[in-house]
Amino acid sequence: MYLAINILGLLVFLGIGFLFSKDKKAINWKAIAIMIVLNLVLAWFLTGSAAGRAGVKAAADGFAWIVNISAKGTVFALGAWYNVKNLNFISSALMPILMIVPLFDILTYIGFLPWIIKWIGKGLSFITGQPKFESFFAVEMMFLGNTEVLAVSGMQIRKLTKARNLTIAMMSMSCVTASILGAYIQMMPGQFILTAVPINIVNSLIATSLLNPVTVTEAEDTIEKVGSSEDGKKEPFFSFLGDSILGAGKLILIIVANVVAFVALAALIDAILALFWKQLSLESILGVIMFPFAWLLGLPVHQAWMLSQDMGMKLVTNEFVVMGEVTGKIASYPHHLQAVLTTFVTSFANFGTLGMIIGCFKGIADKETNDYIAQNIGYLLLSGILVSLLSAAFVGLFVW
């Protein structure tokens, strides 16, 4: 029965995309059907096949290996503060970022990561029939993150129509950054974290193809090189590396500030709500709103209620807050609940990301484009939520 509900949920989520479409007649159903089949194959291969599970486990072990090596730098700097038997959130999840971000930036600098992104993007465009830049952008987000990709895509974005830029903004709600996957894997099941990443890529294309279908001519279907700049000059390596390390440090401070602020604000809201009724809380309100969608992921009512509260909290705060809440108990959850919860939270889709994306566009696009994106802010949030729901539904089909 729960498998049937999961299948129904997948159809409902696709139906929501169609219902809120800006141009239902322009939807390319052939491309969407191909992407649905592609995601079904990916979800089955990564979770249901021995080879896929082995590959995902190897990748998760690889990230864990990198995180363990990064601990040497943390131990050197913090000494006795770094207690292996009682690691806190900063030491276990955030300090590895100081090595992993520069590592990925080095791979970008030497051209290896851009080469991979280029060919995966071309392959994705060929298979799905989606415009080259949108496919390219979806893959870039997986490695570089939303604001970073927007920054290096400035030349391209200034050439796009406002409708295509809205698509790019919507897709930006659904990314993760490969350089912080190591942090995620310390808190949630690595198998589902890494499965969610490629599933999210395809679902971002499905969601935007439904919500904001845009016809792109052959002349418009071009892409720019990753990291290309207006003057074409390349920064000296050690200057580049220094900036990367500094950027990683800033990223940790931003995450810490956001987590502390959001957790504290959520606690304040709960305390205020409790003045009116002790059982009333932010989690319970959000749980009621998200409950139907959680149930459609094929869960018993009590598990759907648990999931709905985590889903709502993630949208209002961020994924780190939810991961920190469940990290000590998720291993005891049923396998299906582990899969759909982990997959849902593996993205940057939350209210805070909206401000980041709008801010990025203000720095690289014209006023007409920025005004158009601001007018459609609801579509950005809907796209982010829809991608997370679709990804959880796809993965949930094969994990019981």
Protein backbone atom coordinates (compact mmCIF):
# COMPACT_ATOMS: atom_id res chain seq x y z
CA MET A 1 0.00 0.00 0.00
CA TYR A 2 2.74 2.46 0.93
CA LEU A 3 4.47 1.87 -2.42
CA ALA A 4 1.19 2.78 -4.16
CA ILE A 5 0.97 5.96 -2.08
CA ASN A 6 4.58 6.80 -2.98
CA ILE A 7 3.76 6.39 -6.70
CA LEU A 8 0.63 8.53 -6.23
CA GLY A 9 2.76 11.16 -4.52
CA LEU A 10 5.17 11.29 -7.45
CA LEU A 11 2.24 11.84 -9.83
CA VAL A 12 0.75 14.50 -7.54
CA PHE A 13 4.05 16.40 -7.37
CA LEU A 14 4.32 16.37 -11.18
CA GLY A 15 0.69 17.50 -11.31
CA ILE A 16 1.46 20.46 -9.06
CA GLY A 17 4.17 21.52 -11.52
CA PHE A 18 1.66 21.34 -14.37
CA LEU A 19 -1.05 23.15 -12.36
CA PHE A 20 1.18 26.17 -11.67
CA SER A 21 2.83 26.21 -15.11
CA LYS A 22 3.25 29.63 -16.71
CA ASP A 23 2.53 28.19 -20.17
CA LYS A 24 0.95 24.73 -20.14
CA LYS A 25 0.83 24.54 -23.95
CA ALA A 26 4.59 25.07 -24.23
CA ILE A 27 5.53 22.13 -21.96
CA ASN A 28 7.80 19.65 -23.75
CA TRP A 29 6.23 16.40 -22.54
CA LYS A 30 8.67 14.24 -24.49
CA ALA A 31 11.64 15.80 -22.70
CA ILE A 32 9.90 15.49 -19.32
CA ALA A 33 9.09 11.81 -19.97
CA ILE A 34 12.75 11.17 -20.84
CA MET A 35 13.91 12.89 -17.64
CA ILE A 36 11.42 10.94 -15.52
CA VAL A 37 12.70 7.67 -16.96
CA LEU A 38 16.30 8.85 -16.44
CA ASN A 39 15.60 9.60 -12.78
CA LEU A 40 13.85 6.28 -12.26
CA VAL A 41 16.92 4.53 -13.68
CA LEU A 42 19.28 6.64 -11.56
CA ALA A 43 17.28 6.09 -8.38
CA TRP A 44 17.09 2.34 -8.98
CA PHE A 45 20.76 2.04 -9.91
CA LEU A 46 22.05 4.07 -6.95
CA THR A 47 19.81 2.47 -4.33
CA GLY A 48 18.53 -0.83 -5.74
CA SER A 49 21.43 -2.36 -7.66
CA ALA A 50 24.51 -3.92 -6.11
CA ALA A 51 26.85 -2.01 -8.44
CA GLY A 52 25.13 1.30 -7.75
CA ARG A 53 25.15 0.82 -3.99
CA ALA A 54 28.81 -0.16 -4.14
CA GLY A 55 29.63 2.95 -6.15
CA VAL A 56 27.74 5.24 -3.76
CA LYS A 57 29.39 3.56 -0.76
CA ALA A 58 32.81 4.02 -2.34
CA ALA A 59 32.07 7.70 -2.93
CA ALA A 60 30.81 8.13 0.65
CA ASP A 61 33.91 6.36 1.98
CA GLY A 62 36.03 8.65 -0.19
CA PHE A 63 34.45 11.75 1.34
CA ALA A 64 34.87 10.23 4.82
CA TRP A 65 38.56 9.59 4.04
CA ILE A 66 39.03 13.22 2.99
CA VAL A 67 37.24 14.42 6.13
CA ASN A 68 39.49 12.24 8.30
CA ILE A 69 42.60 13.69 6.66
CA SER A 70 41.28 17.22 7.14
CA ALA A 71 41.05 16.45 10.88
CA LYS A 72 44.87 16.58 11.05
CA GLY A 73 44.75 20.31 10.40
CA THR A 74 41.98 20.74 12.96
CA VAL A 75 43.94 18.79 15.60
CA PHE A 76 47.05 20.88 14.91
CA ALA A 77 45.12 24.13 15.36
CA LEU A 78 42.77 23.17 18.21
CA GLY A 79 44.81 20.57 20.08
CA ALA A 80 42.96 19.26 23.14
CA TRP A 81 39.79 21.08 22.10
CA TYR A 82 39.35 18.45 19.37
CA ASN A 83 37.87 15.51 21.28
CA VAL A 84 37.29 12.56 18.93
CA LYS A 85 34.90 10.88 21.39
CA ASN A 86 32.72 13.98 21.75
CA LEU A 87 32.93 16.05 18.56
CA ASN A 88 30.67 19.08 18.32
CA PHE A 89 28.94 20.41 15.20
CA ILE A 90 31.76 22.80 14.27
CA SER A 91 34.59 20.28 14.65
CA SER A 92 32.88 17.33 12.96
CA ALA A 93 30.90 19.01 10.18
CA LEU A 94 32.36 22.44 9.48
CA MET A 95 36.13 22.35 10.03
CA PRO A 96 36.67 19.88 7.13
CA ILE A 97 35.31 22.58 4.83
CA LEU A 98 38.60 24.46 5.26
CA MET A 99 40.37 21.73 3.29
CA ILE A 100 37.60 20.45 1.01
CA VAL A 101 36.63 23.83 -0.49
CA PRO A 102 40.23 24.65 -1.54
CA LEU A 103 40.57 21.08 -2.88
CA PHE A 104 37.61 21.56 -5.21
CA ASP A 105 38.82 25.04 -6.14
CA ILE A 106 42.22 23.61 -7.09
CA LEU A 107 40.49 21.05 -9.32
CA THR A 108 38.65 23.97 -10.93
CA TYR A 109 41.83 26.02 -11.33
CA ILE A 110 43.72 23.24 -13.15
CA GLY A 111 40.74 22.66 -15.44
CA PHE A 112 39.81 19.14 -14.31
CA LEU A 113 36.47 20.01 -12.71
CA PRO A 114 35.37 22.30 -15.57
CA TRP A 115 36.18 19.48 -18.03
CA ILE A 116 33.98 17.04 -16.10
CA ILE A 117 31.17 19.60 -15.81
CA LYS A 118 31.37 20.38 -19.51
CA TRP A 119 30.98 16.79 -20.69
CA ILE A 120 28.35 15.79 -18.12
CA GLY A 121 26.40 18.91 -19.08
CA LYS A 122 26.65 18.11 -22.78
CA GLY A 123 25.59 14.53 -22.15
CA LEU A 124 22.64 15.66 -20.02
CA SER A 125 21.54 18.12 -22.71
CA PHE A 126 21.79 15.44 -25.40
CA ILE A 127 19.79 12.87 -23.40
CA THR A 128 17.09 15.20 -22.08
CA GLY A 129 16.76 17.60 -24.99
CA GLN A 130 17.12 20.59 -22.65
CA PRO A 131 19.03 23.76 -23.64
CA LYS A 132 22.80 23.42 -23.27
CA PHE A 133 23.30 26.20 -20.75
CA GLU A 134 20.46 25.08 -18.47
CA SER A 135 21.89 21.52 -18.48
CA PHE A 136 25.41 22.88 -17.99
CA PHE A 137 24.20 25.10 -15.13
CA ALA A 138 22.45 22.17 -13.40
CA VAL A 139 25.70 20.18 -13.36
CA GLU A 140 27.76 23.20 -12.27
CA MET A 141 25.49 23.66 -9.26
CA MET A 142 26.28 20.14 -8.10
CA PHE A 143 29.98 20.97 -7.80
CA LEU A 144 30.18 24.69 -7.16
CA GLY A 145 26.96 25.81 -5.43
CA ASN A 146 24.35 28.38 -6.46
CA THR A 147 25.96 31.74 -5.71
CA GLU A 148 29.38 30.59 -6.98
CA VAL A 149 27.93 29.38 -10.28
CA LEU A 150 25.89 32.54 -10.74
CA ALA A 151 29.06 34.56 -10.14
CA VAL A 152 31.11 32.72 -12.77
CA SER A 153 28.17 32.71 -15.23
CA GLY A 154 27.75 36.49 -15.31
CA MET A 155 28.64 36.86 -19.00
CA GLN A 156 26.12 34.17 -19.97
CA ILE A 157 23.35 35.49 -17.72
CA ARG A 158 23.60 38.95 -19.22
CA LYS A 159 22.92 37.39 -22.66
CA LEU A 160 19.83 35.41 -21.59
CA THR A 161 16.22 36.52 -21.84
CA LYS A 162 14.46 37.35 -18.58
CA ALA A 163 12.38 34.15 -18.90
CA ARG A 164 15.51 31.98 -19.12
CA ASN A 165 17.07 33.86 -16.23
CA LEU A 166 13.98 33.06 -14.17
CA THR A 167 14.61 29.40 -14.99
CA ILE A 168 18.22 29.76 -13.81
CA ALA A 169 17.07 31.45 -10.59
CA MET A 170 14.54 28.65 -9.97
CA MET A 171 17.17 25.98 -10.55
CA SER A 172 19.50 27.74 -8.10
CA MET A 173 17.09 26.86 -5.27
CA SER A 174 17.81 23.15 -5.69
CA CYS A 175 21.57 22.83 -5.59
CA VAL A 176 24.13 21.64 -3.09
CA THR A 177 27.87 22.25 -3.05
CA ALA A 178 30.09 19.22 -3.48
CA SER A 179 32.65 20.75 -1.16
CA ILE A 180 30.30 20.51 1.86
CA LEU A 181 28.97 17.02 1.12
CA GLY A 182 31.60 15.82 3.59
CA ALA A 183 29.83 17.84 6.29
CA TYR A 184 26.46 16.37 5.36
CA ILE A 185 27.80 12.82 5.41
CA GLN A 186 28.98 13.28 9.01
CA MET A 187 25.37 13.89 10.07
CA MET A 188 23.11 11.89 7.70
CA PRO A 189 23.34 8.56 5.78
CA GLY A 190 25.99 9.12 3.10
CA GLN A 191 24.34 6.73 0.64
CA PHE A 192 21.23 8.88 0.37
CA ILE A 193 23.12 12.19 0.47
CA LEU A 194 25.13 11.19 -2.60
CA THR A 195 22.10 9.65 -4.33
CA ALA A 196 20.15 12.88 -3.92
CA VAL A 197 22.74 14.99 -5.75
CA PRO A 198 22.32 13.65 -9.34
CA ILE A 199 18.58 13.10 -8.76
CA ASN A 200 18.26 16.80 -7.82
CA ILE A 201 20.03 17.82 -11.02
CA VAL A 202 17.48 16.11 -13.26
CA ASN A 203 14.54 17.17 -11.08
CA SER A 204 15.59 20.82 -11.29
CA LEU A 205 15.23 20.49 -15.07
CA ILE A 206 11.88 18.69 -14.72
CA ALA A 207 10.47 21.29 -12.31
CA THR A 208 11.52 24.30 -14.38
CA SER A 209 10.35 22.65 -17.61
CA LEU A 210 6.90 22.30 -16.04
CA LEU A 211 6.69 25.59 -14.18
CA ASN A 212 8.46 27.87 -16.65
CA PRO A 213 8.67 26.27 -20.11
CA VAL A 214 10.80 28.41 -22.44
CA THR A 215 11.48 27.87 -26.14
CA VAL A 216 15.18 28.33 -26.95
CA THR A 217 16.32 28.76 -30.55
CA GLU A 218 19.48 27.10 -31.86
CA ALA A 219 21.21 30.48 -32.06
CA GLU A 220 20.44 31.16 -28.39
CA ASP A 221 21.51 27.70 -27.22
CA THR A 222 25.14 28.47 -26.32
CA ILE A 223 27.27 28.13 -23.19
CA GLU A 224 30.24 29.96 -21.71
CA LYS A 225 33.31 28.32 -20.17
CA VAL A 226 33.36 27.74 -16.44
CA GLY A 227 35.28 30.49 -14.69
CA SER A 228 35.76 32.59 -17.84
CA SER A 229 36.16 36.26 -17.10
CA GLU A 230 35.60 39.43 -19.04
CA ASP A 231 39.34 40.01 -19.64
CA GLY A 232 40.33 36.32 -19.92
CA LYS A 233 43.17 36.66 -17.33
CA LYS A 234 43.96 33.87 -14.87
CA GLU A 235 44.80 34.68 -11.26
CA PRO A 236 48.20 33.48 -9.90
CA PHE A 237 47.81 30.09 -8.20
CA PHE A 238 48.81 31.02 -4.64
CA SER A 239 46.72 34.17 -4.74
CA PHE A 240 43.83 32.02 -5.94
CA LEU A 241 44.47 29.43 -3.19
CA GLY A 242 44.64 32.11 -0.51
CA ASP A 243 41.31 33.54 -1.63
CA SER A 244 39.83 30.04 -1.65
CA ILE A 245 40.93 29.34 1.94
CA LEU A 246 39.65 32.73 3.05
CA GLY A 247 36.36 32.01 1.30
CA ALA A 248 36.11 28.65 3.09
CA GLY A 249 36.64 30.38 6.43
CA LYS A 250 33.92 32.90 5.63
CA LEU A 251 31.61 30.06 4.60
CA ILE A 252 32.05 28.40 8.01
CA LEU A 253 31.30 31.66 9.81
CA ILE A 254 28.20 32.18 7.65
CA ILE A 255 26.95 28.65 8.39
CA VAL A 256 27.61 29.00 12.13
CA ALA A 257 25.91 32.41 12.23
CA ASN A 258 22.90 31.11 10.34
CA VAL A 259 22.53 27.96 12.42
CA VAL A 260 22.88 29.83 15.75
CA ALA A 261 20.50 32.59 14.65
CA PHE A 262 17.87 30.30 13.13
CA VAL A 263 17.86 27.84 16.05
CA ALA A 264 17.61 30.70 18.53
CA LEU A 265 14.86 32.47 16.56
CA ALA A 266 12.93 29.21 16.22
CA ALA A 267 13.20 28.70 19.99
CA LEU A 268 12.00 32.28 20.55
CA ILE A 269 9.00 31.74 18.27
CA ASP A 270 8.20 28.47 20.09
CA ALA A 271 8.38 30.26 23.45
CA ILE A 272 6.02 33.01 22.22
CA LEU A 273 3.58 30.48 20.76
CA ALA A 274 3.66 28.50 24.02
CA LEU A 275 2.31 31.56 25.84
CA PHE A 276 -0.95 30.99 23.98
CA TRP A 277 -0.94 27.16 24.08
CA LYS A 278 1.83 24.93 25.43
CA GLN A 279 1.48 22.38 22.62
CA LEU A 280 1.76 25.06 19.91
CA SER A 281 5.17 25.39 18.21
CA LEU A 282 6.73 26.38 14.91
CA GLU A 283 7.40 22.73 14.13
CA SER A 284 3.78 21.76 14.74
CA ILE A 285 2.44 24.55 12.50
CA LEU A 286 4.84 23.69 9.70
CA GLY A 287 4.14 20.02 10.27
CA VAL A 288 0.44 20.56 9.60
CA ILE A 289 1.22 22.41 6.35
CA MET A 290 3.70 19.82 5.08
CA PHE A 291 1.93 16.72 6.40
CA PRO A 292 -0.05 15.85 3.21
CA PHE A 293 3.16 15.97 1.14
CA ALA A 294 5.05 13.88 3.69
CA TRP A 295 2.28 11.26 3.73
CA LEU A 296 2.38 11.09 -0.08
CA LEU A 297 5.97 9.86 0.20
CA GLY A 298 4.61 6.50 1.34
CA LEU A 299 4.82 6.69 5.12
CA PRO A 300 2.59 5.64 8.02
CA VAL A 301 0.80 8.59 9.60
CA HIS A 302 3.08 8.91 12.66
CA GLN A 303 6.24 8.79 10.51
CA ALA A 304 4.73 11.27 8.04
CA TRP A 305 4.10 13.64 10.95
CA MET A 306 7.74 13.37 12.07
CA LEU A 307 8.94 13.98 8.52
CA SER A 308 6.58 16.91 7.92
CA GLN A 309 7.97 18.82 10.91
CA ASP A 310 11.56 18.30 9.71
CA MET A 311 10.54 19.34 6.18
CA GLY A 312 8.92 22.55 7.41
CA MET A 313 11.81 23.39 9.72
CA LYS A 314 14.28 22.90 6.88
CA LEU A 315 12.40 25.35 4.64
CA VAL A 316 12.27 28.04 7.34
CA THR A 317 15.82 27.53 8.62
CA ASN A 318 18.26 25.39 6.59
CA GLU A 319 19.41 21.84 6.09
CA PHE A 320 22.14 22.05 8.77
CA VAL A 321 19.58 22.80 11.48
CA VAL A 322 17.53 19.70 10.62
CA MET A 323 20.62 17.51 10.18
CA GLY A 324 21.88 18.61 13.57
CA GLU A 325 18.51 17.75 15.14
CA VAL A 326 18.26 14.21 13.73
CA THR A 327 21.90 13.16 13.48
CA GLY A 328 21.84 11.21 16.75
CA LYS A 329 18.62 9.33 16.06
CA ILE A 330 18.25 8.87 12.30
CA ALA A 331 20.02 5.48 12.42
CA SER A 332 17.03 4.13 14.38
CA TYR A 333 14.51 5.33 11.76
CA PRO A 334 12.95 2.86 9.30
CA HIS A 335 14.97 2.62 6.08
CA HIS A 336 12.32 4.29 3.92
CA LEU A 337 12.02 7.23 6.32
CA GLN A 338 15.81 7.59 6.38
CA ALA A 339 15.85 7.71 2.58
CA VAL A 340 13.08 10.27 2.00
CA LEU A 341 14.15 12.55 4.88
CA THR A 342 17.82 12.58 3.87
CA THR A 343 16.99 13.13 0.21
CA PHE A 344 14.54 15.95 0.97
CA VAL A 345 16.95 17.94 3.13
CA THR A 346 19.90 17.56 0.71
CA SER A 347 19.50 20.93 -1.01
CA PHE A 348 19.72 24.64 -0.28
CA ALA A 349 15.96 25.14 -0.80
CA ASN A 350 14.87 27.47 2.02
CA PHE A 351 13.74 31.05 2.56
CA GLY A 352 17.30 32.26 3.22
CA THR A 353 18.46 31.05 -0.18
CA LEU A 354 15.88 33.31 -1.83
CA GLY A 355 17.72 36.38 -0.57
CA MET A 356 21.09 35.01 -1.68
CA ILE A 357 19.86 34.36 -5.23
CA ILE A 358 18.15 37.75 -5.58
CA GLY A 359 21.29 39.45 -4.26
CA CYS A 360 23.47 37.61 -6.80
CA PHE A 361 21.26 38.58 -9.72
CA LYS A 362 21.27 42.22 -8.65
CA GLY A 363 25.03 42.22 -9.09
CA ILE A 364 25.13 40.60 -12.55
CA ALA A 365 21.82 41.18 -14.38
CA ASP A 366 19.94 44.26 -15.58
CA LYS A 367 17.06 45.90 -13.73
CA GLU A 368 14.37 44.40 -16.00
CA THR A 369 15.60 40.88 -15.26
CA ASN A 370 15.88 41.54 -11.54
CA ASP A 371 12.38 43.00 -11.38
CA TYR A 372 10.99 40.00 -13.28
CA ILE A 373 12.67 37.52 -10.89
CA ALA A 374 11.46 39.50 -7.86
CA GLN A 375 7.89 39.41 -9.22
CA ASN A 376 8.13 35.62 -9.48
CA ILE A 377 9.70 34.93 -6.09
CA GLY A 378 6.94 32.43 -5.35
CA TYR A 379 8.04 30.34 -8.32
CA LEU A 380 11.58 30.14 -6.94
CA LEU A 381 10.32 28.77 -3.64
CA LEU A 382 7.82 26.43 -5.32
CA SER A 383 10.53 25.08 -7.62
CA GLY A 384 12.88 24.38 -4.71
CA ILE A 385 10.20 22.57 -2.70
CA LEU A 386 8.98 20.64 -5.74
CA VAL A 387 12.48 19.40 -6.60
CA SER A 388 13.03 18.19 -3.03
CA LEU A 389 9.66 16.40 -3.02
CA LEU A 390 10.29 14.81 -6.42
CA SER A 391 13.76 13.63 -5.39
CA ALA A 392 12.43 12.11 -2.15
CA ALA A 393 9.62 10.40 -4.09
CA PHE A 394 11.98 8.96 -6.74
CA VAL A 395 14.45 7.62 -4.17
CA GLY A 396 11.66 6.37 -1.89
CA LEU A 397 10.30 4.12 -4.62
CA PHE A 398 13.32 1.82 -4.31
CA VAL A 399 14.11 1.93 -0.57
CA TRP A 400 11.91 -0.04 1.84
